[in-house]
Amino acid sequence: MQIREITPEDRECWLALRSELWPRYDISQLREEIEQFLAERDNWALFFALVDEKPVGFVECRLRDTAAGCSTHGVGYLEGWYVAEAHRGRGLGGALVAAAEEWARARGATEMASDTTTEYPVSRAAHAALGFEEVKRRFLFRKEL
C-alpha cells in the first residue's frame, strides 16, 4: 500500500474512481470538477491510495472557513473519500484521511470535518472508526402527489 498525491496525469484513473463513488453524477460534471481541483491545486489535498501501484482509492480535502460542529475557522474538510470495495478493510481509507489531516494541519487547521448521506451506509462507520463524531443529523422529506 502507498499513498501519493494525485497529478494531472492521473485524470482518467481519478475520474473512474469518482464515477464509482458518485455513479449518479454526469461524467462531464465529474471531469469538470477534476479540472477545477487541478487549477486550484494549492487549495486542495488530493491523494490516491495505491495497491501494486494501481489507484484503488482517493481523498479530496480542502480548508473550509467553518463546518458544522467545529469551533475554529480554517477547518480541514473531506469533500470526497473513497476506497474501492475490493480493497476496503485494509487501512487504506484511514491512510488517505491521515494524509489529508497532515495536509490540513500544515495549513493551520486544528479540526477536521466531513459529511455523508444515507446513500453511503458504510461511511458513517468508517468515519466513526477514525475518530469522527457525529454532530448533526439531517433528514430530507419528499411526498408524491
N, C-alpha and C. Protein backbone atom coordinates (compact mmCIF):
# COMPACT_ATOMS: atom_id res chain seq x y z
N MET A 1 0.84 -1.18 0.00
CA MET A 1 0.00 0.00 0.00
C MET A 1 0.89 1.24 0.00
N GLN A 2 0.42 2.24 -0.74
CA GLN A 2 1.14 3.51 -0.81
C GLN A 2 0.13 4.64 -0.95
N ILE A 3 0.44 5.78 -0.38
CA ILE A 3 -0.36 6.99 -0.55
C ILE A 3 0.50 7.98 -1.30
N ARG A 4 -0.06 8.58 -2.35
CA ARG A 4 0.68 9.61 -3.08
C ARG A 4 -0.27 10.67 -3.60
N GLU A 5 0.29 11.83 -3.88
CA GLU A 5 -0.52 12.92 -4.42
C GLU A 5 -1.02 12.58 -5.82
N ILE A 6 -2.20 13.05 -6.11
CA ILE A 6 -2.77 12.92 -7.46
C ILE A 6 -2.13 13.98 -8.33
N THR A 7 -1.78 13.60 -9.55
CA THR A 7 -1.16 14.52 -10.51
C THR A 7 -2.09 14.71 -11.71
N PRO A 8 -1.83 15.71 -12.53
CA PRO A 8 -2.65 15.89 -13.73
C PRO A 8 -2.68 14.66 -14.64
N GLU A 9 -1.63 13.89 -14.63
CA GLU A 9 -1.57 12.68 -15.46
C GLU A 9 -2.52 11.59 -14.97
N ASP A 10 -3.05 11.75 -13.76
CA ASP A 10 -3.94 10.75 -13.16
C ASP A 10 -5.42 10.98 -13.47
N ARG A 11 -5.72 11.93 -14.33
CA ARG A 11 -7.11 12.32 -14.56
C ARG A 11 -8.05 11.14 -14.81
N GLU A 12 -7.68 10.25 -15.70
CA GLU A 12 -8.60 9.17 -16.08
C GLU A 12 -8.82 8.16 -14.96
N CYS A 13 -7.75 7.80 -14.23
CA CYS A 13 -7.92 6.89 -13.08
C CYS A 13 -8.77 7.54 -12.01
N TRP A 14 -8.52 8.81 -11.78
CA TRP A 14 -9.27 9.57 -10.78
C TRP A 14 -10.73 9.65 -11.18
N LEU A 15 -10.97 9.94 -12.44
CA LEU A 15 -12.34 10.02 -12.95
C LEU A 15 -13.07 8.68 -12.76
N ALA A 16 -12.39 7.59 -13.04
CA ALA A 16 -13.01 6.26 -12.88
C ALA A 16 -13.41 6.02 -11.43
N LEU A 17 -12.54 6.36 -10.49
CA LEU A 17 -12.86 6.16 -9.07
C LEU A 17 -13.97 7.11 -8.62
N ARG A 18 -13.94 8.35 -9.09
CA ARG A 18 -15.00 9.30 -8.73
C ARG A 18 -16.34 8.80 -9.28
N SER A 19 -16.32 8.19 -10.44
CA SER A 19 -17.55 7.65 -11.04
C SER A 19 -18.11 6.49 -10.21
N GLU A 20 -17.23 5.72 -9.59
CA GLU A 20 -17.69 4.65 -8.71
C GLU A 20 -18.34 5.21 -7.46
N LEU A 21 -17.75 6.28 -6.91
CA LEU A 21 -18.31 6.89 -5.70
C LEU A 21 -19.62 7.61 -5.99
N TRP A 22 -19.67 8.34 -7.09
CA TRP A 22 -20.84 9.14 -7.45
C TRP A 22 -21.42 8.70 -8.78
N PRO A 23 -21.98 7.50 -8.87
CA PRO A 23 -22.46 6.97 -10.16
C PRO A 23 -23.62 7.75 -10.76
N ARG A 24 -24.35 8.50 -9.96
CA ARG A 24 -25.50 9.25 -10.49
C ARG A 24 -25.10 10.58 -11.13
N TYR A 25 -23.87 10.99 -10.88
CA TYR A 25 -23.40 12.26 -11.45
C TYR A 25 -23.01 12.06 -12.91
N ASP A 26 -23.24 13.07 -13.69
CA ASP A 26 -22.85 13.06 -15.10
C ASP A 26 -21.32 13.06 -15.18
N ILE A 27 -20.78 12.22 -16.04
CA ILE A 27 -19.33 12.08 -16.17
C ILE A 27 -18.67 13.41 -16.54
N SER A 28 -19.35 14.22 -17.33
CA SER A 28 -18.77 15.51 -17.71
C SER A 28 -18.66 16.44 -16.50
N GLN A 29 -19.60 16.36 -15.58
CA GLN A 29 -19.53 17.16 -14.35
C GLN A 29 -18.36 16.71 -13.48
N LEU A 30 -18.20 15.40 -13.34
CA LEU A 30 -17.09 14.87 -12.55
C LEU A 30 -15.75 15.27 -13.17
N ARG A 31 -15.68 15.23 -14.49
CA ARG A 31 -14.45 15.62 -15.19
C ARG A 31 -14.17 17.12 -15.01
N GLU A 32 -15.21 17.93 -15.09
CA GLU A 32 -15.08 19.37 -14.91
C GLU A 32 -14.56 19.70 -13.50
N GLU A 33 -15.06 18.99 -12.50
CA GLU A 33 -14.59 19.20 -11.13
C GLU A 33 -13.11 18.86 -11.01
N ILE A 34 -12.68 17.79 -11.65
CA ILE A 34 -11.26 17.43 -11.63
C ILE A 34 -10.42 18.57 -12.18
N GLU A 35 -10.84 19.14 -13.28
CA GLU A 35 -10.09 20.24 -13.88
C GLU A 35 -10.05 21.45 -12.94
N GLN A 36 -11.17 21.70 -12.26
CA GLN A 36 -11.22 22.79 -11.27
C GLN A 36 -10.23 22.55 -10.14
N PHE A 37 -10.23 21.32 -9.60
CA PHE A 37 -9.33 20.98 -8.50
C PHE A 37 -7.87 21.15 -8.92
N LEU A 38 -7.55 20.70 -10.12
CA LEU A 38 -6.17 20.81 -10.59
C LEU A 38 -5.78 22.27 -10.82
N ALA A 39 -6.72 23.08 -11.28
CA ALA A 39 -6.44 24.50 -11.49
C ALA A 39 -6.23 25.23 -10.17
N GLU A 40 -6.86 24.74 -9.11
CA GLU A 40 -6.75 25.34 -7.77
C GLU A 40 -5.93 24.44 -6.85
N ARG A 41 -4.95 23.79 -7.39
CA ARG A 41 -4.16 22.75 -6.72
C ARG A 41 -3.70 23.12 -5.32
N ASP A 42 -3.31 24.37 -5.11
CA ASP A 42 -2.80 24.78 -3.80
C ASP A 42 -3.88 24.77 -2.73
N ASN A 43 -5.13 24.77 -3.13
CA ASN A 43 -6.25 24.80 -2.18
C ASN A 43 -6.78 23.41 -1.83
N TRP A 44 -6.21 22.38 -2.43
CA TRP A 44 -6.75 21.03 -2.27
C TRP A 44 -5.67 20.02 -1.88
N ALA A 45 -6.05 19.09 -1.03
CA ALA A 45 -5.25 17.90 -0.77
C ALA A 45 -5.88 16.81 -1.61
N LEU A 46 -5.14 16.28 -2.54
CA LEU A 46 -5.65 15.26 -3.46
C LEU A 46 -4.69 14.07 -3.42
N PHE A 47 -5.16 12.97 -2.85
CA PHE A 47 -4.29 11.80 -2.69
C PHE A 47 -4.96 10.53 -3.22
N PHE A 48 -4.12 9.65 -3.73
CA PHE A 48 -4.52 8.30 -4.13
C PHE A 48 -4.00 7.30 -3.11
N ALA A 49 -4.75 6.21 -2.93
CA ALA A 49 -4.25 5.02 -2.26
C ALA A 49 -3.92 4.04 -3.38
N LEU A 50 -2.71 3.49 -3.35
CA LEU A 50 -2.27 2.56 -4.39
C LEU A 50 -2.05 1.18 -3.81
N VAL A 51 -2.44 0.19 -4.57
CA VAL A 51 -2.13 -1.20 -4.27
C VAL A 51 -1.48 -1.75 -5.53
N ASP A 52 -0.28 -2.28 -5.38
CA ASP A 52 0.50 -2.73 -6.53
C ASP A 52 0.58 -1.64 -7.60
N GLU A 53 0.80 -0.42 -7.14
CA GLU A 53 0.97 0.77 -7.99
C GLU A 53 -0.29 1.18 -8.75
N LYS A 54 -1.44 0.57 -8.42
CA LYS A 54 -2.70 0.90 -9.07
C LYS A 54 -3.58 1.68 -8.11
N PRO A 55 -4.12 2.84 -8.55
CA PRO A 55 -5.02 3.60 -7.69
C PRO A 55 -6.31 2.82 -7.38
N VAL A 56 -6.60 2.68 -6.09
CA VAL A 56 -7.82 1.97 -5.67
C VAL A 56 -8.67 2.81 -4.73
N GLY A 57 -8.22 4.03 -4.45
CA GLY A 57 -8.96 4.93 -3.58
C GLY A 57 -8.41 6.33 -3.68
N PHE A 58 -9.19 7.29 -3.18
CA PHE A 58 -8.74 8.68 -3.21
C PHE A 58 -9.38 9.46 -2.07
N VAL A 59 -8.79 10.61 -1.80
CA VAL A 59 -9.38 11.58 -0.89
C VAL A 59 -9.21 12.96 -1.52
N GLU A 60 -10.24 13.78 -1.37
CA GLU A 60 -10.22 15.17 -1.80
C GLU A 60 -10.55 16.00 -0.57
N CYS A 61 -9.65 16.87 -0.18
CA CYS A 61 -9.82 17.66 1.05
C CYS A 61 -9.45 19.10 0.76
N ARG A 62 -10.16 20.01 1.40
CA ARG A 62 -9.80 21.43 1.32
C ARG A 62 -10.09 22.07 2.67
N LEU A 63 -9.67 23.29 2.82
CA LEU A 63 -9.99 24.05 4.02
C LEU A 63 -11.29 24.81 3.78
N ARG A 64 -12.20 24.70 4.72
CA ARG A 64 -13.42 25.50 4.72
C ARG A 64 -13.29 26.48 5.87
N ASP A 65 -13.92 27.63 5.73
CA ASP A 65 -13.86 28.62 6.79
C ASP A 65 -14.45 28.03 8.07
N THR A 66 -15.63 27.43 7.96
CA THR A 66 -16.28 26.81 9.12
C THR A 66 -16.93 25.50 8.69
N ALA A 67 -17.34 24.72 9.68
CA ALA A 67 -18.07 23.48 9.42
C ALA A 67 -18.94 23.19 10.64
N ALA A 68 -20.07 22.53 10.41
CA ALA A 68 -20.99 22.18 11.49
C ALA A 68 -20.27 21.43 12.60
N GLY A 69 -20.49 21.87 13.83
CA GLY A 69 -19.91 21.20 14.98
C GLY A 69 -18.49 21.61 15.31
N CYS A 70 -17.88 22.43 14.46
CA CYS A 70 -16.49 22.85 14.70
C CYS A 70 -16.47 24.24 15.31
N SER A 71 -15.49 24.49 16.16
CA SER A 71 -15.42 25.77 16.86
C SER A 71 -14.31 26.68 16.33
N THR A 72 -13.56 26.21 15.36
CA THR A 72 -12.47 27.01 14.82
C THR A 72 -12.75 27.38 13.36
N HIS A 73 -11.94 28.28 12.84
CA HIS A 73 -12.00 28.64 11.43
C HIS A 73 -10.82 28.00 10.71
N GLY A 74 -11.00 27.73 9.42
CA GLY A 74 -9.96 27.03 8.68
C GLY A 74 -9.98 25.55 9.00
N VAL A 75 -11.12 24.93 8.76
CA VAL A 75 -11.35 23.52 9.10
C VAL A 75 -11.01 22.64 7.89
N GLY A 76 -10.23 21.59 8.10
CA GLY A 76 -9.99 20.62 7.05
C GLY A 76 -11.29 19.87 6.77
N TYR A 77 -11.68 19.78 5.49
CA TYR A 77 -12.96 19.17 5.16
C TYR A 77 -12.79 18.09 4.10
N LEU A 78 -13.24 16.88 4.42
CA LEU A 78 -13.20 15.78 3.46
C LEU A 78 -14.35 15.97 2.48
N GLU A 79 -14.04 16.39 1.28
CA GLU A 79 -15.06 16.63 0.26
C GLU A 79 -15.40 15.35 -0.50
N GLY A 80 -14.42 14.48 -0.63
CA GLY A 80 -14.61 13.20 -1.30
C GLY A 80 -13.64 12.20 -0.72
N TRP A 81 -14.14 10.98 -0.44
CA TRP A 81 -13.29 9.96 0.19
C TRP A 81 -13.83 8.61 -0.25
N TYR A 82 -12.98 7.81 -0.88
CA TYR A 82 -13.46 6.55 -1.44
C TYR A 82 -12.34 5.53 -1.54
N VAL A 83 -12.69 4.28 -1.23
CA VAL A 83 -11.83 3.13 -1.47
C VAL A 83 -12.69 2.08 -2.16
N ALA A 84 -12.20 1.55 -3.26
CA ALA A 84 -12.94 0.51 -4.00
C ALA A 84 -13.28 -0.63 -3.06
N GLU A 85 -14.47 -1.16 -3.21
CA GLU A 85 -14.99 -2.17 -2.28
C GLU A 85 -14.05 -3.35 -2.07
N ALA A 86 -13.40 -3.82 -3.11
CA ALA A 86 -12.50 -4.98 -3.01
C ALA A 86 -11.27 -4.70 -2.14
N HIS A 87 -11.01 -3.43 -1.85
CA HIS A 87 -9.81 -3.06 -1.09
C HIS A 87 -10.11 -2.46 0.28
N ARG A 88 -11.36 -2.52 0.68
CA ARG A 88 -11.74 -1.96 1.98
C ARG A 88 -11.32 -2.90 3.12
N GLY A 89 -11.21 -2.32 4.31
CA GLY A 89 -10.87 -3.11 5.49
C GLY A 89 -9.38 -3.38 5.64
N ARG A 90 -8.56 -2.69 4.86
CA ARG A 90 -7.11 -2.89 4.92
C ARG A 90 -6.36 -1.65 5.41
N GLY A 91 -7.10 -0.64 5.85
CA GLY A 91 -6.46 0.56 6.36
C GLY A 91 -6.21 1.64 5.31
N LEU A 92 -6.62 1.40 4.08
CA LEU A 92 -6.40 2.39 3.02
C LEU A 92 -7.17 3.68 3.27
N GLY A 93 -8.43 3.56 3.68
CA GLY A 93 -9.23 4.74 3.96
C GLY A 93 -8.63 5.57 5.08
N GLY A 94 -8.17 4.90 6.11
CA GLY A 94 -7.54 5.60 7.22
C GLY A 94 -6.24 6.28 6.80
N ALA A 95 -5.48 5.64 5.95
CA ALA A 95 -4.23 6.23 5.46
C ALA A 95 -4.51 7.46 4.60
N LEU A 96 -5.58 7.40 3.80
CA LEU A 96 -5.96 8.56 2.99
C LEU A 96 -6.36 9.73 3.88
N VAL A 97 -7.17 9.46 4.90
CA VAL A 97 -7.60 10.52 5.81
C VAL A 97 -6.41 11.06 6.58
N ALA A 98 -5.49 10.21 6.99
CA ALA A 98 -4.30 10.68 7.70
C ALA A 98 -3.49 11.64 6.83
N ALA A 99 -3.38 11.35 5.54
CA ALA A 99 -2.66 12.24 4.62
C ALA A 99 -3.38 13.58 4.52
N ALA A 100 -4.72 13.55 4.45
CA ALA A 100 -5.49 14.79 4.38
C ALA A 100 -5.36 15.57 5.68
N GLU A 101 -5.37 14.88 6.81
CA GLU A 101 -5.22 15.55 8.11
C GLU A 101 -3.86 16.22 8.22
N GLU A 102 -2.83 15.54 7.77
CA GLU A 102 -1.48 16.11 7.81
C GLU A 102 -1.43 17.38 6.94
N TRP A 103 -2.04 17.31 5.77
CA TRP A 103 -2.09 18.48 4.87
C TRP A 103 -2.82 19.64 5.56
N ALA A 104 -3.97 19.36 6.17
CA ALA A 104 -4.76 20.41 6.84
C ALA A 104 -4.00 20.98 8.04
N ARG A 105 -3.38 20.12 8.82
CA ARG A 105 -2.62 20.56 9.99
C ARG A 105 -1.48 21.48 9.57
N ALA A 106 -0.82 21.17 8.46
CA ALA A 106 0.28 22.00 7.96
C ALA A 106 -0.20 23.39 7.54
N ARG A 107 -1.50 23.52 7.32
CA ARG A 107 -2.09 24.81 6.93
C ARG A 107 -2.81 25.48 8.10
N GLY A 108 -2.56 24.98 9.30
CA GLY A 108 -3.08 25.62 10.50
C GLY A 108 -4.39 25.08 11.03
N ALA A 109 -4.97 24.09 10.39
CA ALA A 109 -6.24 23.53 10.87
C ALA A 109 -6.03 22.73 12.15
N THR A 110 -6.99 22.85 13.04
CA THR A 110 -6.96 22.07 14.27
C THR A 110 -8.18 21.14 14.37
N GLU A 111 -9.04 21.19 13.34
CA GLU A 111 -10.21 20.32 13.30
C GLU A 111 -10.41 19.81 11.88
N MET A 112 -10.99 18.63 11.79
CA MET A 112 -11.39 18.05 10.50
C MET A 112 -12.89 17.83 10.55
N ALA A 113 -13.53 17.93 9.40
CA ALA A 113 -14.96 17.69 9.31
C ALA A 113 -15.26 16.95 8.00
N SER A 114 -16.47 16.45 7.91
CA SER A 114 -16.88 15.69 6.75
C SER A 114 -18.40 15.58 6.78
N ASP A 115 -18.96 14.99 5.76
CA ASP A 115 -20.39 14.71 5.77
C ASP A 115 -20.65 13.46 4.94
N THR A 116 -21.84 12.94 5.09
CA THR A 116 -22.25 11.79 4.30
C THR A 116 -23.77 11.79 4.23
N THR A 117 -24.31 10.87 3.48
CA THR A 117 -25.76 10.72 3.39
C THR A 117 -26.11 9.26 3.61
N THR A 118 -27.39 8.98 3.67
CA THR A 118 -27.85 7.60 3.85
C THR A 118 -27.52 6.72 2.65
N GLU A 119 -27.15 7.32 1.53
CA GLU A 119 -26.75 6.55 0.34
C GLU A 119 -25.47 5.76 0.59
N TYR A 120 -24.70 6.18 1.59
CA TYR A 120 -23.40 5.58 1.87
C TYR A 120 -23.37 5.05 3.30
N PRO A 121 -24.10 3.95 3.57
CA PRO A 121 -24.20 3.46 4.95
C PRO A 121 -22.85 3.09 5.57
N VAL A 122 -21.91 2.62 4.79
CA VAL A 122 -20.61 2.24 5.33
C VAL A 122 -19.81 3.48 5.76
N SER A 123 -20.15 4.63 5.23
CA SER A 123 -19.41 5.85 5.51
C SER A 123 -19.50 6.26 6.98
N ARG A 124 -20.67 6.14 7.57
CA ARG A 124 -20.81 6.52 8.99
C ARG A 124 -19.88 5.69 9.86
N ALA A 125 -19.84 4.39 9.62
CA ALA A 125 -18.98 3.51 10.41
C ALA A 125 -17.50 3.82 10.15
N ALA A 126 -17.16 4.11 8.91
CA ALA A 126 -15.77 4.43 8.58
C ALA A 126 -15.33 5.71 9.28
N HIS A 127 -16.18 6.72 9.27
CA HIS A 127 -15.86 7.96 9.96
C HIS A 127 -15.68 7.71 11.46
N ALA A 128 -16.60 6.97 12.06
CA ALA A 128 -16.52 6.68 13.49
C ALA A 128 -15.24 5.91 13.83
N ALA A 129 -14.85 4.99 12.98
CA ALA A 129 -13.65 4.20 13.23
C ALA A 129 -12.39 5.07 13.23
N LEU A 130 -12.45 6.21 12.56
CA LEU A 130 -11.30 7.11 12.51
C LEU A 130 -11.39 8.25 13.52
N GLY A 131 -12.36 8.16 14.42
CA GLY A 131 -12.46 9.13 15.50
C GLY A 131 -13.36 10.32 15.23
N PHE A 132 -14.05 10.33 14.11
CA PHE A 132 -15.01 11.41 13.86
C PHE A 132 -16.24 11.18 14.72
N GLU A 133 -16.82 12.26 15.22
CA GLU A 133 -18.05 12.16 15.97
C GLU A 133 -19.17 12.81 15.17
N GLU A 134 -20.34 12.20 15.21
CA GLU A 134 -21.49 12.76 14.51
C GLU A 134 -21.97 13.98 15.28
N VAL A 135 -22.10 15.11 14.58
CA VAL A 135 -22.50 16.35 15.25
C VAL A 135 -23.88 16.83 14.81
N LYS A 136 -24.37 16.28 13.75
CA LYS A 136 -25.67 16.74 13.25
C LYS A 136 -26.23 15.67 12.32
N ARG A 137 -27.51 15.47 12.41
CA ARG A 137 -28.18 14.54 11.51
C ARG A 137 -29.25 15.32 10.77
N ARG A 138 -29.34 15.09 9.49
CA ARG A 138 -30.27 15.84 8.67
C ARG A 138 -31.18 14.88 7.92
N PHE A 139 -32.44 15.18 7.96
CA PHE A 139 -33.41 14.36 7.25
C PHE A 139 -34.09 15.23 6.20
N LEU A 140 -34.22 14.69 5.04
CA LEU A 140 -34.93 15.37 3.97
C LEU A 140 -36.17 14.58 3.67
N PHE A 141 -37.25 15.24 3.34
CA PHE A 141 -38.51 14.55 3.11
C PHE A 141 -39.04 14.83 1.71
N ARG A 142 -39.86 13.90 1.24
CA ARG A 142 -40.46 14.00 -0.07
C ARG A 142 -41.83 13.34 -0.01
N LYS A 143 -42.76 13.83 -0.79
CA LYS A 143 -44.07 13.21 -0.87
C LYS A 143 -44.56 13.33 -2.30
N GLU A 144 -44.98 12.20 -2.83
CA GLU A 144 -45.53 12.21 -4.18
C GLU A 144 -47.00 12.57 -4.12
N LEU A 145 -47.42 13.40 -5.03
CA LEU A 145 -48.84 13.83 -5.08
C LEU A 145 -49.55 13.21 -6.26
